[in-house]
Amino acid sequence: MAEIKAAIGEVDEVKPKSPLIKIIVAVLLLLVLLAGTVAGTLFAAGFFSRPALSAEEMLSEESLKPGTPGAGAPSAKKAGDAIDAKDAKKGAGDKGTTKADGKSPKLNNKSPESPRFDHTYFQMEREFLVNLAGSRKVMSVQIAVVTRYDQRVIDNVKKHEFALRSVVMDVMRVTTETELAKPDFRKDLAVRIRDAMNSLVEKYEDFGGIEDVYFTAFIVQ
């Protein structure tokens, strides 16, 4: 009998604990129900079907949020791509302008960065009058120069006109009557005058650019 009573006492001690277990089980069931509801709602909203964002995309989206410093600015990758494209375009432009026929313009050996353009002529206003060497005859000429470089060549000719007149007459006055009879005399004289003019302009401007000299008037008497 004593053993039976002891067993009944143990059962009585356990009974008060059973309501606590029921409460715990009920709470666990409630949590599971809530978790299921939330999961179902997210699934219906397509949350689980959205692809994962890369770190770069996450940074990009973060920068576009209102109140974020630099919001609205392009991402670092896009800015870098824009800079690379600009540098590539600039590098292509440094190679020189391409003509419509696909050929690059001719370049001068002394000034590789100077592309050639259309012919530009310039006539020096005053005539050149000198005595022939060892003769009483006089030679009178008018000179025009031509270039296919930019306007700076003509501007330099105008700028140094007085010095150019001096060197041209120095070349002319060493001419003899015998040289006048040569078939290529005028052509040779034009070349010597051109070289003398270019040498003088290069002395002051580091670049001549006069390609040819023409006589628009030529008199010996």
C-alpha atoms as a PDB file:
ATOM      1  CA  MET A   1       0.000   0.000   0.000  1.00  0.00           C
ATOM      2  CA  ALA A   2       2.804   2.334   0.802  1.00  0.00           C
ATOM      3  CA  GLU A   3       4.227   1.828  -2.678  1.00  0.00           C
ATOM      4  CA  ILE A   4       0.857   2.548  -4.295  1.00  0.00           C
ATOM      5  CA  LYS A   5       0.474   5.762  -2.331  1.00  0.00           C
ATOM      6  CA  ALA A   6       3.952   6.838  -3.280  1.00  0.00           C
ATOM      7  CA  ALA A   7       3.162   6.268  -6.952  1.00  0.00           C
ATOM      8  CA  ILE A   8      -0.077   8.224  -6.639  1.00  0.00           C
ATOM      9  CA  GLY A   9       1.894  11.063  -5.015  1.00  0.00           C
ATOM     10  CA  GLU A  10       4.305  11.175  -7.933  1.00  0.00           C
ATOM     11  CA  VAL A  11       1.410  11.331 -10.398  1.00  0.00           C
ATOM     12  CA  ASP A  12      -0.116  14.180  -8.413  1.00  0.00           C
ATOM     13  CA  GLU A  13       3.159  16.049  -8.567  1.00  0.00           C
ATOM     14  CA  VAL A  14       3.294  15.715 -12.407  1.00  0.00           C
ATOM     15  CA  LYS A  15      -0.295  16.848 -13.036  1.00  0.00           C
ATOM     16  CA  PRO A  16       0.311  20.553 -12.222  1.00  0.00           C
ATOM     17  CA  LYS A  17       2.998  20.633 -14.923  1.00  0.00           C
ATOM     18  CA  SER A  18       0.738  19.507 -17.800  1.00  0.00           C
ATOM     19  CA  PRO A  19      -0.929  22.958 -18.423  1.00  0.00           C
ATOM     20  CA  LEU A  20       2.549  24.496 -18.898  1.00  0.00           C
ATOM     21  CA  ILE A  21       3.390  21.938 -21.549  1.00  0.00           C
ATOM     22  CA  LYS A  22       0.147  22.667 -23.353  1.00  0.00           C
ATOM     23  CA  ILE A  23       0.924  26.385 -23.371  1.00  0.00           C
ATOM     24  CA  ILE A  24       4.410  25.774 -24.811  1.00  0.00           C
ATOM     25  CA  VAL A  25       3.003  23.512 -27.525  1.00  0.00           C
ATOM     26  CA  ALA A  26       0.323  26.089 -28.351  1.00  0.00           C
ATOM     27  CA  VAL A  27       2.934  28.852 -28.648  1.00  0.00           C
ATOM     28  CA  LEU A  28       5.109  26.707 -30.921  1.00  0.00           C
ATOM     29  CA  LEU A  29       2.116  25.935 -33.147  1.00  0.00           C
ATOM     30  CA  LEU A  30       1.265  29.631 -33.304  1.00  0.00           C
ATOM     31  CA  LEU A  31       4.842  30.505 -34.321  1.00  0.00           C
ATOM     32  CA  VAL A  32       4.828  27.834 -37.026  1.00  0.00           C
ATOM     33  CA  LEU A  33       1.489  29.157 -38.302  1.00  0.00           C
ATOM     34  CA  LEU A  34       2.808  32.728 -38.424  1.00  0.00           C
ATOM     35  CA  ALA A  35       6.003  31.620 -40.195  1.00  0.00           C
ATOM     36  CA  GLY A  36       3.924  29.747 -42.763  1.00  0.00           C
ATOM     37  CA  THR A  37       1.704  32.776 -43.329  1.00  0.00           C
ATOM     38  CA  VAL A  38       4.690  35.078 -43.853  1.00  0.00           C
ATOM     39  CA  ALA A  39       6.381  32.604 -46.199  1.00  0.00           C
ATOM     40  CA  GLY A  40       3.202  32.230 -48.212  1.00  0.00           C
ATOM     41  CA  THR A  41       2.791  35.995 -48.510  1.00  0.00           C
ATOM     42  CA  LEU A  42       6.411  36.461 -49.711  1.00  0.00           C
ATOM     43  CA  PHE A  43       6.075  33.633 -52.220  1.00  0.00           C
ATOM     44  CA  ALA A  44       2.866  35.117 -53.616  1.00  0.00           C
ATOM     45  CA  ALA A  45       4.595  38.499 -53.953  1.00  0.00           C
ATOM     46  CA  GLY A  46       7.371  36.898 -56.040  1.00  0.00           C
ATOM     47  CA  PHE A  47      10.089  37.559 -53.495  1.00  0.00           C
ATOM     48  CA  PHE A  48      11.687  34.155 -53.939  1.00  0.00           C
ATOM     49  CA  SER A  49      11.628  34.418 -57.752  1.00  0.00           C
ATOM     50  CA  ARG A  50      13.716  37.661 -57.843  1.00  0.00           C
ATOM     51  CA  PRO A  51      17.294  36.975 -59.007  1.00  0.00           C
ATOM     52  CA  ALA A  52      20.061  37.712 -56.578  1.00  0.00           C
ATOM     53  CA  LEU A  53      21.815  41.039 -57.093  1.00  0.00           C
ATOM     54  CA  SER A  54      25.537  41.248 -57.527  1.00  0.00           C
ATOM     55  CA  ALA A  55      27.593  43.411 -55.201  1.00  0.00           C
ATOM     56  CA  GLU A  56      27.975  46.016 -57.946  1.00  0.00           C
ATOM     57  CA  GLU A  57      24.209  46.165 -58.570  1.00  0.00           C
ATOM     58  CA  MET A  58      23.533  46.433 -54.849  1.00  0.00           C
ATOM     59  CA  LEU A  59      25.927  49.392 -54.625  1.00  0.00           C
ATOM     60  CA  SER A  60      24.287  50.973 -57.663  1.00  0.00           C
ATOM     61  CA  GLU A  61      20.793  50.641 -56.186  1.00  0.00           C
ATOM     62  CA  GLU A  62      22.021  51.929 -52.846  1.00  0.00           C
ATOM     63  CA  SER A  63      23.462  55.052 -54.544  1.00  0.00           C
ATOM     64  CA  LEU A  64      20.090  55.784 -56.172  1.00  0.00           C
ATOM     65  CA  LYS A  65      18.150  55.839 -52.894  1.00  0.00           C
ATOM     66  CA  PRO A  66      16.949  59.318 -51.827  1.00  0.00           C
ATOM     67  CA  GLY A  67      19.135  60.879 -49.181  1.00  0.00           C
ATOM     68  CA  THR A  68      22.153  58.809 -50.114  1.00  0.00           C
ATOM     69  CA  PRO A  69      25.287  60.929 -50.828  1.00  0.00           C
ATOM     70  CA  GLY A  70      25.897  60.992 -54.559  1.00  0.00           C
ATOM     71  CA  ALA A  71      22.357  59.787 -55.363  1.00  0.00           C
ATOM     72  CA  GLY A  72      21.523  60.056 -59.002  1.00  0.00           C
ATOM     73  CA  ALA A  73      25.200  59.972 -60.035  1.00  0.00           C
ATOM     74  CA  PRO A  74      26.335  57.276 -62.500  1.00  0.00           C
ATOM     75  CA  SER A  75      27.974  54.194 -61.059  1.00  0.00           C
ATOM     76  CA  ALA A  76      31.757  53.950 -60.967  1.00  0.00           C
ATOM     77  CA  LYS A  77      31.733  51.394 -63.780  1.00  0.00           C
ATOM     78  CA  LYS A  78      29.621  53.594 -66.072  1.00  0.00           C
ATOM     79  CA  ALA A  79      31.763  56.637 -65.302  1.00  0.00           C
ATOM     80  CA  GLY A  80      34.891  54.609 -66.052  1.00  0.00           C
ATOM     81  CA  ASP A  81      33.410  53.368 -69.327  1.00  0.00           C
ATOM     82  CA  ALA A  82      32.621  56.966 -70.323  1.00  0.00           C
ATOM     83  CA  ILE A  83      36.197  58.069 -69.563  1.00  0.00           C
ATOM     84  CA  ASP A  84      37.657  55.135 -71.515  1.00  0.00           C
ATOM     85  CA  ALA A  85      35.458  55.963 -74.500  1.00  0.00           C
ATOM     86  CA  LYS A  86      36.524  59.613 -74.355  1.00  0.00           C
ATOM     87  CA  ASP A  87      40.215  58.654 -74.176  1.00  0.00           C
ATOM     88  CA  ALA A  88      39.804  56.259 -77.103  1.00  0.00           C
ATOM     89  CA  LYS A  89      38.162  58.982 -79.176  1.00  0.00           C
ATOM     90  CA  LYS A  90      40.902  61.420 -78.257  1.00  0.00           C
ATOM     91  CA  GLY A  91      43.590  58.883 -79.144  1.00  0.00           C
ATOM     92  CA  ALA A  92      41.979  58.335 -82.526  1.00  0.00           C
ATOM     93  CA  GLY A  93      41.911  62.091 -83.152  1.00  0.00           C
ATOM     94  CA  ASP A  94      45.654  62.387 -82.383  1.00  0.00           C
ATOM     95  CA  LYS A  95      46.481  60.303 -85.426  1.00  0.00           C
ATOM     96  CA  GLY A  96      45.395  63.059 -87.782  1.00  0.00           C
ATOM     97  CA  THR A  97      42.287  63.954 -89.709  1.00  0.00           C
ATOM     98  CA  THR A  98      41.172  61.445 -92.310  1.00  0.00           C
ATOM     99  CA  LYS A  99      40.034  62.714 -95.671  1.00  0.00           C
ATOM    100  CA  ALA A 100      36.743  61.713 -97.307  1.00  0.00           C
ATOM    101  CA  ASP A 101      38.575  59.251 -99.575  1.00  0.00           C
ATOM    102  CA  GLY A 102      39.894  57.399 -96.521  1.00  0.00           C
ATOM    103  CA  LYS A 103      43.497  58.599 -96.942  1.00  0.00           C
ATOM    104  CA  SER A 104      45.343  60.448 -94.214  1.00  0.00           C
ATOM    105  CA  PRO A 105      46.638  63.940 -95.044  1.00  0.00           C
ATOM    106  CA  LYS A 106      50.299  64.335 -95.937  1.00  0.00           C
ATOM    107  CA  LEU A 107      52.546  65.483 -93.134  1.00  0.00           C
ATOM    108  CA  ASN A 108      55.629  67.655 -93.193  1.00  0.00           C
ATOM    109  CA  ASN A 109      58.825  66.004 -91.983  1.00  0.00           C
ATOM    110  CA  LYS A 110      59.799  69.067 -89.952  1.00  0.00           C
ATOM    111  CA  SER A 111      56.375  69.438 -88.376  1.00  0.00           C
ATOM    112  CA  PRO A 112      54.654  65.997 -88.207  1.00  0.00           C
ATOM    113  CA  GLU A 113      51.615  67.349 -86.356  1.00  0.00           C
ATOM    114  CA  SER A 114      50.772  69.806 -89.169  1.00  0.00           C
ATOM    115  CA  PRO A 115      48.326  68.337 -91.699  1.00  0.00           C
ATOM    116  CA  ARG A 116      48.309  69.777 -95.217  1.00  0.00           C
ATOM    117  CA  PHE A 117      45.267  71.622 -96.541  1.00  0.00           C
ATOM    118  CA  ASP A 118      44.354  73.220 -99.859  1.00  0.00           C
ATOM    119  CA  HIS A 119      46.868  75.407-101.659  1.00  0.00           C
ATOM    120  CA  THR A 120      47.089  78.952-100.331  1.00  0.00           C
ATOM    121  CA  TYR A 121      48.778  81.626-102.451  1.00  0.00           C
ATOM    122  CA  PHE A 122      50.198  84.928-101.367  1.00  0.00           C
ATOM    123  CA  GLN A 123      51.850  87.562-103.574  1.00  0.00           C
ATOM    124  CA  MET A 124      54.307  90.008-102.092  1.00  0.00           C
ATOM    125  CA  GLU A 125      53.149  93.458-103.144  1.00  0.00           C
ATOM    126  CA  ARG A 126      56.384  95.251-104.002  1.00  0.00           C
ATOM    127  CA  GLU A 127      58.574  94.146-106.900  1.00  0.00           C
ATOM    128  CA  PHE A 128      62.204  93.057-106.488  1.00  0.00           C
ATOM    129  CA  LEU A 129      64.682  95.072-108.563  1.00  0.00           C
ATOM    130  CA  VAL A 130      68.431  94.293-108.648  1.00  0.00           C
ATOM    131  CA  ASN A 131      71.432  94.684-110.937  1.00  0.00           C
ATOM    132  CA  LEU A 132      72.860  91.520-112.482  1.00  0.00           C
ATOM    133  CA  ALA A 133      76.324  90.544-111.292  1.00  0.00           C
ATOM    134  CA  GLY A 134      79.025  92.182-113.443  1.00  0.00           C
ATOM    135  CA  SER A 135      76.476  93.778-115.750  1.00  0.00           C
ATOM    136  CA  ARG A 136      74.603  97.034-116.239  1.00  0.00           C
ATOM    137  CA  LYS A 137      71.384  95.110-116.823  1.00  0.00           C
ATOM    138  CA  VAL A 138      68.680  95.008-114.183  1.00  0.00           C
ATOM    139  CA  MET A 139      66.280  92.227-113.283  1.00  0.00           C
ATOM    140  CA  SER A 140      62.801  93.006-111.965  1.00  0.00           C
ATOM    141  CA  VAL A 141      60.481  90.292-110.638  1.00  0.00           C
ATOM    142  CA  GLN A 142      57.329  89.914-108.615  1.00  0.00           C
ATOM    143  CA  ILE A 143      57.014  86.882-106.369  1.00  0.00           C
ATOM    144  CA  ALA A 144      54.106  84.764-105.120  1.00  0.00           C
ATOM    145  CA  VAL A 145      54.508  81.939-102.600  1.00  0.00           C
ATOM    146  CA  VAL A 146      52.294  78.894-102.117  1.00  0.00           C
ATOM    147  CA  THR A 147      51.742  76.612 -99.146  1.00  0.00           C
ATOM    148  CA  ARG A 148      49.465  73.746 -98.192  1.00  0.00           C
ATOM    149  CA  TYR A 149      49.869  74.290 -94.475  1.00  0.00           C
ATOM    150  CA  ASP A 150      47.772  76.584 -92.313  1.00  0.00           C
ATOM    151  CA  GLN A 151      47.476  80.367 -92.328  1.00  0.00           C
ATOM    152  CA  ARG A 152      50.461  80.740 -90.005  1.00  0.00           C
ATOM    153  CA  VAL A 153      52.824  80.276 -92.957  1.00  0.00           C
ATOM    154  CA  ILE A 154      51.354  83.277 -94.775  1.00  0.00           C
ATOM    155  CA  ASP A 155      51.243  85.270 -91.539  1.00  0.00           C
ATOM    156  CA  ASN A 156      54.949  84.576 -90.998  1.00  0.00           C
ATOM    157  CA  VAL A 157      55.770  85.732 -94.528  1.00  0.00           C
ATOM    158  CA  LYS A 158      53.947  89.014 -93.853  1.00  0.00           C
ATOM    159  CA  LYS A 159      55.542  89.354 -90.433  1.00  0.00           C
ATOM    160  CA  HIS A 160      59.111  88.986 -91.756  1.00  0.00           C
ATOM    161  CA  GLU A 161      58.579  90.714 -95.109  1.00  0.00           C
ATOM    162  CA  PHE A 162      61.473  93.162 -94.751  1.00  0.00           C
ATOM    163  CA  ALA A 163      63.978  90.441 -93.909  1.00  0.00           C
ATOM    164  CA  LEU A 164      62.613  88.226 -96.676  1.00  0.00           C
ATOM    165  CA  ARG A 165      63.002  91.001 -99.256  1.00  0.00           C
ATOM    166  CA  SER A 166      66.633  91.298 -98.275  1.00  0.00           C
ATOM    167  CA  VAL A 167      67.454  87.600 -98.675  1.00  0.00           C
ATOM    168  CA  VAL A 168      65.539  87.393-101.980  1.00  0.00           C
ATOM    169  CA  MET A 169      67.536  90.274-103.462  1.00  0.00           C
ATOM    170  CA  ASP A 170      70.767  88.717-102.173  1.00  0.00           C
ATOM    171  CA  VAL A 171      69.937  85.596-104.196  1.00  0.00           C
ATOM    172  CA  MET A 172      68.949  87.585-107.271  1.00  0.00           C
ATOM    173  CA  ARG A 173      71.937  89.928-107.409  1.00  0.00           C
ATOM    174  CA  VAL A 174      74.474  87.095-107.841  1.00  0.00           C
ATOM    175  CA  THR A 175      72.821  86.154-111.154  1.00  0.00           C
ATOM    176  CA  THR A 176      74.977  86.656-114.262  1.00  0.00           C
ATOM    177  CA  GLU A 177      73.985  87.281-117.858  1.00  0.00           C
ATOM    178  CA  THR A 178      75.325  83.834-118.773  1.00  0.00           C
ATOM    179  CA  GLU A 179      72.893  82.153-116.380  1.00  0.00           C
ATOM    180  CA  LEU A 180      69.970  83.933-118.045  1.00  0.00           C
ATOM    181  CA  ALA A 181      70.534  81.865-121.187  1.00  0.00           C
ATOM    182  CA  LYS A 182      70.079  78.529-119.388  1.00  0.00           C
ATOM    183  CA  PRO A 183      66.736  76.771-120.129  1.00  0.00           C
ATOM    184  CA  ASP A 184      65.962  76.099-116.461  1.00  0.00           C
ATOM    185  CA  PHE A 185      67.275  79.416-115.131  1.00  0.00           C
ATOM    186  CA  ARG A 186      63.944  80.697-113.821  1.00  0.00           C
ATOM    187  CA  LYS A 187      63.077  77.353-112.235  1.00  0.00           C
ATOM    188  CA  ASP A 188      66.470  77.144-110.522  1.00  0.00           C
ATOM    189  CA  LEU A 189      66.204  80.747-109.324  1.00  0.00           C
ATOM    190  CA  ALA A 190      62.743  80.074-107.859  1.00  0.00           C
ATOM    191  CA  VAL A 191      64.106  77.070-105.934  1.00  0.00           C
ATOM    192  CA  ARG A 192      67.013  79.074-104.525  1.00  0.00           C
ATOM    193  CA  ILE A 193      64.689  81.899-103.484  1.00  0.00           C
ATOM    194  CA  ARG A 194      62.271  79.438-101.837  1.00  0.00           C
ATOM    195  CA  ASP A 195      65.078  77.779 -99.860  1.00  0.00           C
ATOM    196  CA  ALA A 196      66.433  81.148 -98.745  1.00  0.00           C
ATOM    197  CA  MET A 197      62.984  82.300 -97.592  1.00  0.00           C
ATOM    198  CA  ASN A 198      62.309  79.078 -95.680  1.00  0.00           C
ATOM    199  CA  SER A 199      65.695  79.245 -93.974  1.00  0.00           C
ATOM    200  CA  LEU A 200      65.009  82.756 -92.729  1.00  0.00           C
ATOM    201  CA  VAL A 201      61.485  82.017 -91.480  1.00  0.00           C
ATOM    202  CA  GLU A 202      62.678  78.819 -89.778  1.00  0.00           C
ATOM    203  CA  LYS A 203      65.311  80.875 -88.006  1.00  0.00           C
ATOM    204  CA  TYR A 204      62.633  82.987 -86.314  1.00  0.00           C
ATOM    205  CA  GLU A 205      59.580  80.699 -86.258  1.00  0.00           C
ATOM    206  CA  ASP A 206      61.119  77.169 -86.280  1.00  0.00           C
ATOM    207  CA  PHE A 207      59.064  76.266 -89.346  1.00  0.00           C
ATOM    208  CA  GLY A 208      59.088  77.573 -92.926  1.00  0.00           C
ATOM    209  CA  GLY A 209      56.263  75.914 -94.847  1.00  0.00           C
ATOM    210  CA  ILE A 210      56.788  77.691 -98.200  1.00  0.00           C
ATOM    211  CA  GLU A 211      56.508  74.929-100.778  1.00  0.00           C
ATOM    212  CA  ASP A 212      57.045  76.839-104.018  1.00  0.00           C
ATOM    213  CA  VAL A 213      57.869  80.287-105.336  1.00  0.00           C
ATOM    214  CA  TYR A 214      56.354  81.619-108.573  1.00  0.00           C
ATOM    215  CA  PHE A 215      57.246  84.647-110.671  1.00  0.00           C
ATOM    216  CA  THR A 216      54.157  86.666-111.544  1.00  0.00           C
ATOM    217  CA  ALA A 217      56.327  89.169-113.393  1.00  0.00           C
ATOM    218  CA  PHE A 218      59.889  88.740-114.733  1.00  0.00           C
ATOM    219  CA  ILE A 219      61.748  91.452-116.632  1.00  0.00           C
ATOM    220  CA  VAL A 220      65.441  91.779-117.573  1.00  0.00           C
ATOM    221  CA  GLN A 221      66.549  94.937-119.378  1.00  0.00           C
END
